[in-house]
């Protein structure tokens, strides 16, 4: 089974990054690229840009955890937020339309579960609209207990205790993600240089 943080999708790997404070602007940009319906499905209700900005600003990257998958142009194709509480950890995931059906949501979920396990959390839960087919599919794939009431769903997953595989897997996954980001940064810079040279008169 592929390690969380580096999930195989077809012939390529999905590298999931643990985001830091420096990624806050990119996280906001990611949410603002979602359309109105996607925002409603992600947050459970319609939100305007000011409310989304307040949500992103309120994320504490020290006490919570945020994860992302970067596009080739270094925007966030997908993001996950894990909020830790007394009774477990709550997970929210969003994937931009052009990057769906590639296993990215599954990769984010697996990485979030691994992270929570390694911090002695015993339960992961998600709150979403029952019509959110993508998240319901992920919940069922991971064997979450799902309770649906008045159009809303609560999904719960009991987490196994941390072990050597989960601890080393998280460390290795982040190292691979950082290497992936470095490669994408270099490739983006080369494309920018090539475009600049190509735009000059001969």
C-alpha atoms as a PDB file:
ATOM      1  CA  UNK A   1       0.000   0.000   0.000  1.00  0.00           C
ATOM      2  CA  UNK A   2       1.451   3.432  -0.919  1.00  0.00           C
ATOM      3  CA  UNK A   3       2.501   5.536   2.032  1.00  0.00           C
ATOM      4  CA  UNK A   4       0.229   8.439   2.991  1.00  0.00           C
ATOM      5  CA  UNK A   5       1.704  11.685   1.734  1.00  0.00           C
ATOM      6  CA  UNK A   6       2.807   9.999  -1.493  1.00  0.00           C
ATOM      7  CA  UNK A   7      -0.207   8.311  -3.046  1.00  0.00           C
ATOM      8  CA  UNK A   8       0.137   6.763  -6.467  1.00  0.00           C
ATOM      9  CA  UNK A   9      -2.356   8.077  -9.042  1.00  0.00           C
ATOM     10  CA  UNK A  10      -1.977   6.301 -12.338  1.00  0.00           C
ATOM     11  CA  UNK A  11       1.723   6.504 -13.185  1.00  0.00           C
ATOM     12  CA  UNK A  12       2.481   9.606 -11.119  1.00  0.00           C
ATOM     13  CA  UNK A  13       2.676  10.317  -7.416  1.00  0.00           C
ATOM     14  CA  UNK A  14       0.615  12.837  -5.486  1.00  0.00           C
ATOM     15  CA  UNK A  15       2.849  14.678  -3.036  1.00  0.00           C
ATOM     16  CA  UNK A  16       1.003  16.156  -0.065  1.00  0.00           C
ATOM     17  CA  UNK A  17       2.678  19.088   1.709  1.00  0.00           C
ATOM     18  CA  UNK A  18       2.283  20.123   5.329  1.00  0.00           C
ATOM     19  CA  UNK A  19       1.599  23.841   4.876  1.00  0.00           C
ATOM     20  CA  UNK A  20       3.120  26.560   7.023  1.00  0.00           C
ATOM     21  CA  UNK A  21       2.232  30.170   7.769  1.00  0.00           C
ATOM     22  CA  UNK A  22       3.996  31.202   4.550  1.00  0.00           C
ATOM     23  CA  UNK A  23       1.341  29.343   2.529  1.00  0.00           C
ATOM     24  CA  UNK A  24      -1.589  31.332   3.971  1.00  0.00           C
ATOM     25  CA  UNK A  25      -1.916  33.579   0.851  1.00  0.00           C
ATOM     26  CA  UNK A  26      -1.906  30.550  -1.446  1.00  0.00           C
ATOM     27  CA  UNK A  27      -4.525  28.871   0.736  1.00  0.00           C
ATOM     28  CA  UNK A  28      -6.769  31.913   0.438  1.00  0.00           C
ATOM     29  CA  UNK A  29      -6.201  32.017  -3.307  1.00  0.00           C
ATOM     30  CA  UNK A  30      -7.185  28.344  -3.516  1.00  0.00           C
ATOM     31  CA  UNK A  31     -10.532  28.894  -1.796  1.00  0.00           C
ATOM     32  CA  UNK A  32     -11.288  31.981  -3.871  1.00  0.00           C
ATOM     33  CA  UNK A  33     -10.832  29.900  -7.031  1.00  0.00           C
ATOM     34  CA  UNK A  34     -13.748  27.667  -5.995  1.00  0.00           C
ATOM     35  CA  UNK A  35     -17.127  28.587  -7.441  1.00  0.00           C
ATOM     36  CA  UNK A  36     -20.199  29.341  -5.325  1.00  0.00           C
ATOM     37  CA  UNK A  37     -21.480  25.772  -5.294  1.00  0.00           C
ATOM     38  CA  UNK A  38     -18.083  24.303  -4.425  1.00  0.00           C
ATOM     39  CA  UNK A  39     -17.768  26.746  -1.525  1.00  0.00           C
ATOM     40  CA  UNK A  40     -21.212  25.717  -0.261  1.00  0.00           C
ATOM     41  CA  UNK A  41     -20.252  22.051  -0.408  1.00  0.00           C
ATOM     42  CA  UNK A  42     -16.892  22.646   1.283  1.00  0.00           C
ATOM     43  CA  UNK A  43     -18.157  24.797   4.153  1.00  0.00           C
ATOM     44  CA  UNK A  44     -21.767  23.619   4.365  1.00  0.00           C
ATOM     45  CA  UNK A  45     -23.191  27.057   3.545  1.00  0.00           C
ATOM     46  CA  UNK A  46     -22.565  29.904   1.095  1.00  0.00           C
ATOM     47  CA  UNK A  47     -19.674  32.154   2.085  1.00  0.00           C
ATOM     48  CA  UNK A  48     -18.508  35.433   0.576  1.00  0.00           C
ATOM     49  CA  UNK A  49     -14.891  36.365  -0.009  1.00  0.00           C
ATOM     50  CA  UNK A  50     -14.654  38.298   3.264  1.00  0.00           C
ATOM     51  CA  UNK A  51     -15.875  35.312   5.282  1.00  0.00           C
ATOM     52  CA  UNK A  52     -13.447  33.009   3.487  1.00  0.00           C
ATOM     53  CA  UNK A  53     -10.584  35.427   4.153  1.00  0.00           C
ATOM     54  CA  UNK A  54     -11.538  35.501   7.835  1.00  0.00           C
ATOM     55  CA  UNK A  55     -11.603  31.695   7.935  1.00  0.00           C
ATOM     56  CA  UNK A  56      -8.137  31.430   6.392  1.00  0.00           C
ATOM     57  CA  UNK A  57      -6.787  34.139   8.663  1.00  0.00           C
ATOM     58  CA  UNK A  58      -8.109  32.218  11.655  1.00  0.00           C
ATOM     59  CA  UNK A  59      -6.202  29.024  10.875  1.00  0.00           C
ATOM     60  CA  UNK A  60      -3.501  28.417  13.472  1.00  0.00           C
ATOM     61  CA  UNK A  61      -0.709  26.567  11.701  1.00  0.00           C
ATOM     62  CA  UNK A  62       0.874  25.622  15.027  1.00  0.00           C
ATOM     63  CA  UNK A  63      -2.096  23.988  16.742  1.00  0.00           C
ATOM     64  CA  UNK A  64      -4.012  22.823  13.654  1.00  0.00           C
ATOM     65  CA  UNK A  65      -2.656  21.299  10.466  1.00  0.00           C
ATOM     66  CA  UNK A  66      -3.113  22.322   6.847  1.00  0.00           C
ATOM     67  CA  UNK A  67      -2.068  20.248   3.866  1.00  0.00           C
ATOM     68  CA  UNK A  68      -1.931  20.977   0.169  1.00  0.00           C
ATOM     69  CA  UNK A  69      -1.112  19.583  -3.246  1.00  0.00           C
ATOM     70  CA  UNK A  70       0.616  22.042  -5.550  1.00  0.00           C
ATOM     71  CA  UNK A  71      -0.008  22.553  -9.241  1.00  0.00           C
ATOM     72  CA  UNK A  72       2.874  22.863 -11.686  1.00  0.00           C
ATOM     73  CA  UNK A  73       2.488  26.652 -11.527  1.00  0.00           C
ATOM     74  CA  UNK A  74       2.686  26.491  -7.703  1.00  0.00           C
ATOM     75  CA  UNK A  75      -0.919  27.288  -6.898  1.00  0.00           C
ATOM     76  CA  UNK A  76      -2.749  24.896  -4.585  1.00  0.00           C
ATOM     77  CA  UNK A  77      -4.722  22.349  -6.563  1.00  0.00           C
ATOM     78  CA  UNK A  78      -6.218  21.010  -3.326  1.00  0.00           C
ATOM     79  CA  UNK A  79      -6.163  21.720   0.388  1.00  0.00           C
ATOM     80  CA  UNK A  80      -7.118  20.079   3.665  1.00  0.00           C
ATOM     81  CA  UNK A  81      -7.555  21.618   7.111  1.00  0.00           C
ATOM     82  CA  UNK A  82      -7.385  19.495  10.251  1.00  0.00           C
ATOM     83  CA  UNK A  83      -8.750  21.265  13.338  1.00  0.00           C
ATOM     84  CA  UNK A  84      -7.899  19.528  16.603  1.00  0.00           C
ATOM     85  CA  UNK A  85     -10.361  19.490  19.488  1.00  0.00           C
ATOM     86  CA  UNK A  86     -10.876  17.705  22.783  1.00  0.00           C
ATOM     87  CA  UNK A  87     -12.858  14.871  21.182  1.00  0.00           C
ATOM     88  CA  UNK A  88     -10.790  14.339  18.038  1.00  0.00           C
ATOM     89  CA  UNK A  89      -9.860  16.079  14.816  1.00  0.00           C
ATOM     90  CA  UNK A  90     -12.197  17.568  12.206  1.00  0.00           C
ATOM     91  CA  UNK A  91     -11.198  17.403   8.558  1.00  0.00           C
ATOM     92  CA  UNK A  92     -12.253  19.550   5.605  1.00  0.00           C
ATOM     93  CA  UNK A  93     -11.023  18.986   2.040  1.00  0.00           C
ATOM     94  CA  UNK A  94     -11.368  20.934  -1.198  1.00  0.00           C
ATOM     95  CA  UNK A  95     -10.075  20.149  -4.698  1.00  0.00           C
ATOM     96  CA  UNK A  96     -10.214  22.511  -7.675  1.00  0.00           C
ATOM     97  CA  UNK A  97     -12.421  21.277 -10.555  1.00  0.00           C
ATOM     98  CA  UNK A  98      -9.572  20.655 -12.992  1.00  0.00           C
ATOM     99  CA  UNK A  99      -7.828  18.315 -10.564  1.00  0.00           C
ATOM    100  CA  UNK A 100     -10.683  16.066  -9.475  1.00  0.00           C
ATOM    101  CA  UNK A 101     -11.032  12.309 -10.053  1.00  0.00           C
ATOM    102  CA  UNK A 102      -7.264  11.872  -9.755  1.00  0.00           C
ATOM    103  CA  UNK A 103      -7.084  10.555  -6.202  1.00  0.00           C
ATOM    104  CA  UNK A 104      -5.984  13.878  -4.705  1.00  0.00           C
ATOM    105  CA  UNK A 105      -8.782  13.998  -2.143  1.00  0.00           C
ATOM    106  CA  UNK A 106      -7.928  10.465  -1.071  1.00  0.00           C
ATOM    107  CA  UNK A 107      -4.249  11.412  -0.727  1.00  0.00           C
ATOM    108  CA  UNK A 108      -5.135  14.402   1.448  1.00  0.00           C
ATOM    109  CA  UNK A 109      -7.393  12.275   3.637  1.00  0.00           C
ATOM    110  CA  UNK A 110      -4.710   9.622   4.111  1.00  0.00           C
ATOM    111  CA  UNK A 111      -2.093  12.250   4.986  1.00  0.00           C
ATOM    112  CA  UNK A 112      -4.439  13.905   7.487  1.00  0.00           C
ATOM    113  CA  UNK A 113      -5.213  10.565   9.154  1.00  0.00           C
ATOM    114  CA  UNK A 114      -1.519   9.740   9.432  1.00  0.00           C
ATOM    115  CA  UNK A 115      -0.778  13.151  10.945  1.00  0.00           C
ATOM    116  CA  UNK A 116      -3.591  12.813  13.482  1.00  0.00           C
ATOM    117  CA  UNK A 117      -2.529   9.292  14.472  1.00  0.00           C
ATOM    118  CA  UNK A 118       0.991  10.493  15.129  1.00  0.00           C
ATOM    119  CA  UNK A 119      -0.379  13.114  17.531  1.00  0.00           C
ATOM    120  CA  UNK A 120      -2.305  10.583  19.626  1.00  0.00           C
ATOM    121  CA  UNK A 121      -5.717  11.526  18.211  1.00  0.00           C
ATOM    122  CA  UNK A 122      -8.148   8.618  18.373  1.00  0.00           C
ATOM    123  CA  UNK A 123     -10.972   9.875  16.148  1.00  0.00           C
ATOM    124  CA  UNK A 124     -11.258  11.766  12.878  1.00  0.00           C
ATOM    125  CA  UNK A 125     -14.564  13.225  11.821  1.00  0.00           C
ATOM    126  CA  UNK A 126     -15.996  15.163   8.908  1.00  0.00           C
ATOM    127  CA  UNK A 127     -19.125  17.278   8.726  1.00  0.00           C
ATOM    128  CA  UNK A 128     -20.473  17.800   5.227  1.00  0.00           C
ATOM    129  CA  UNK A 129     -23.641  17.990   3.186  1.00  0.00           C
ATOM    130  CA  UNK A 130     -24.942  14.570   2.216  1.00  0.00           C
ATOM    131  CA  UNK A 131     -25.052  15.743  -1.415  1.00  0.00           C
ATOM    132  CA  UNK A 132     -21.267  16.192  -1.387  1.00  0.00           C
ATOM    133  CA  UNK A 133     -20.716  13.019  -3.387  1.00  0.00           C
ATOM    134  CA  UNK A 134     -16.921  13.296  -3.483  1.00  0.00           C
ATOM    135  CA  UNK A 135     -16.529  13.520   0.286  1.00  0.00           C
ATOM    136  CA  UNK A 136     -19.140  10.839   0.900  1.00  0.00           C
ATOM    137  CA  UNK A 137     -17.212   8.565  -1.459  1.00  0.00           C
ATOM    138  CA  UNK A 138     -13.949   9.161   0.439  1.00  0.00           C
ATOM    139  CA  UNK A 139     -15.692   8.600   3.764  1.00  0.00           C
ATOM    140  CA  UNK A 140     -17.039   5.243   2.609  1.00  0.00           C
ATOM    141  CA  UNK A 141     -13.705   4.263   1.051  1.00  0.00           C
ATOM    142  CA  UNK A 142     -11.982   4.652   4.406  1.00  0.00           C
ATOM    143  CA  UNK A 143     -14.744   2.847   6.301  1.00  0.00           C
ATOM    144  CA  UNK A 144     -16.044   5.854   8.197  1.00  0.00           C
ATOM    145  CA  UNK A 145     -19.277   5.533  10.148  1.00  0.00           C
ATOM    146  CA  UNK A 146     -21.723   7.927   8.489  1.00  0.00           C
ATOM    147  CA  UNK A 147     -24.859   9.406  10.039  1.00  0.00           C
ATOM    148  CA  UNK A 148     -27.116  11.419   7.725  1.00  0.00           C
ATOM    149  CA  UNK A 149     -29.761  13.750   9.129  1.00  0.00           C
ATOM    150  CA  UNK A 150     -31.755  16.500   7.348  1.00  0.00           C
ATOM    151  CA  UNK A 151     -29.343  16.695   4.439  1.00  0.00           C
ATOM    152  CA  UNK A 152     -26.190  16.827   6.536  1.00  0.00           C
ATOM    153  CA  UNK A 153     -23.724  14.022   7.212  1.00  0.00           C
ATOM    154  CA  UNK A 154     -21.413  13.318  10.116  1.00  0.00           C
ATOM    155  CA  UNK A 155     -18.695  10.781   9.386  1.00  0.00           C
ATOM    156  CA  UNK A 156     -16.441   9.278  12.059  1.00  0.00           C
ATOM    157  CA  UNK A 157     -13.320   7.156  11.848  1.00  0.00           C
ATOM    158  CA  UNK A 158     -11.569   5.506  14.802  1.00  0.00           C
ATOM    159  CA  UNK A 159      -7.826   5.902  14.361  1.00  0.00           C
ATOM    160  CA  UNK A 160      -5.229   3.280  15.102  1.00  0.00           C
ATOM    161  CA  UNK A 161      -2.407   4.225  17.473  1.00  0.00           C
ATOM    162  CA  UNK A 162       0.776   5.615  15.938  1.00  0.00           C
ATOM    163  CA  UNK A 163       3.463   3.105  15.020  1.00  0.00           C
ATOM    164  CA  UNK A 164       6.904   3.168  13.434  1.00  0.00           C
ATOM    165  CA  UNK A 165       5.422   2.981   9.933  1.00  0.00           C
ATOM    166  CA  UNK A 166       3.150   5.992  10.458  1.00  0.00           C
ATOM    167  CA  UNK A 167       5.919   8.050  12.053  1.00  0.00           C
ATOM    168  CA  UNK A 168       8.508   7.310   9.386  1.00  0.00           C
ATOM    169  CA  UNK A 169       5.879   7.584   6.642  1.00  0.00           C
ATOM    170  CA  UNK A 170       4.942  11.115   7.657  1.00  0.00           C
ATOM    171  CA  UNK A 171       8.573  12.218   7.762  1.00  0.00           C
ATOM    172  CA  UNK A 172       9.397  10.665   4.401  1.00  0.00           C
ATOM    173  CA  UNK A 173       6.206  11.991   2.815  1.00  0.00           C
ATOM    174  CA  UNK A 174       7.066  15.557   3.799  1.00  0.00           C
ATOM    175  CA  UNK A 175      10.630  15.212   2.519  1.00  0.00           C
ATOM    176  CA  UNK A 176       9.379  13.946  -0.832  1.00  0.00           C
ATOM    177  CA  UNK A 177       6.830  16.759  -0.973  1.00  0.00           C
ATOM    178  CA  UNK A 178       9.536  19.368  -0.364  1.00  0.00           C
ATOM    179  CA  UNK A 179      11.650  17.838  -3.121  1.00  0.00           C
ATOM    180  CA  UNK A 180       8.634  17.869  -5.433  1.00  0.00           C
ATOM    181  CA  UNK A 181       8.050  21.555  -4.652  1.00  0.00           C
ATOM    182  CA  UNK A 182      11.685  22.378  -5.385  1.00  0.00           C
ATOM    183  CA  UNK A 183      11.443  20.655  -8.772  1.00  0.00           C
ATOM    184  CA  UNK A 184       8.215  22.483  -9.621  1.00  0.00           C
ATOM    185  CA  UNK A 185       9.760  25.805  -8.582  1.00  0.00           C
ATOM    186  CA  UNK A 186      12.763  25.182 -10.807  1.00  0.00           C
ATOM    187  CA  UNK A 187      10.583  24.118 -13.752  1.00  0.00           C
ATOM    188  CA  UNK A 188       8.326  27.174 -13.346  1.00  0.00           C
ATOM    189  CA  UNK A 189      11.368  29.458 -13.290  1.00  0.00           C
ATOM    190  CA  UNK A 190      12.713  27.852 -16.477  1.00  0.00           C
ATOM    191  CA  UNK A 191       9.353  28.318 -18.208  1.00  0.00           C
ATOM    192  CA  UNK A 192       9.293  31.962 -17.150  1.00  0.00           C
ATOM    193  CA  UNK A 193      12.811  32.513 -18.519  1.00  0.00           C
ATOM    194  CA  UNK A 194      11.955  30.750 -21.769  1.00  0.00           C
ATOM    195  CA  UNK A 195       8.796  32.844 -22.168  1.00  0.00           C
ATOM    196  CA  UNK A 196      10.748  36.039 -21.501  1.00  0.00           C
ATOM    197  CA  UNK A 197      13.410  35.154 -24.072  1.00  0.00           C
ATOM    198  CA  UNK A 198      10.791  34.115 -26.577  1.00  0.00           C
ATOM    199  CA  UNK A 199       9.038  37.477 -26.227  1.00  0.00           C
ATOM    200  CA  UNK A 200      12.131  39.490 -27.156  1.00  0.00           C
ATOM    201  CA  UNK A 201      12.595  40.644 -30.745  1.00  0.00           C
ATOM    202  CA  UNK A 202      15.259  38.807 -32.671  1.00  0.00           C
END
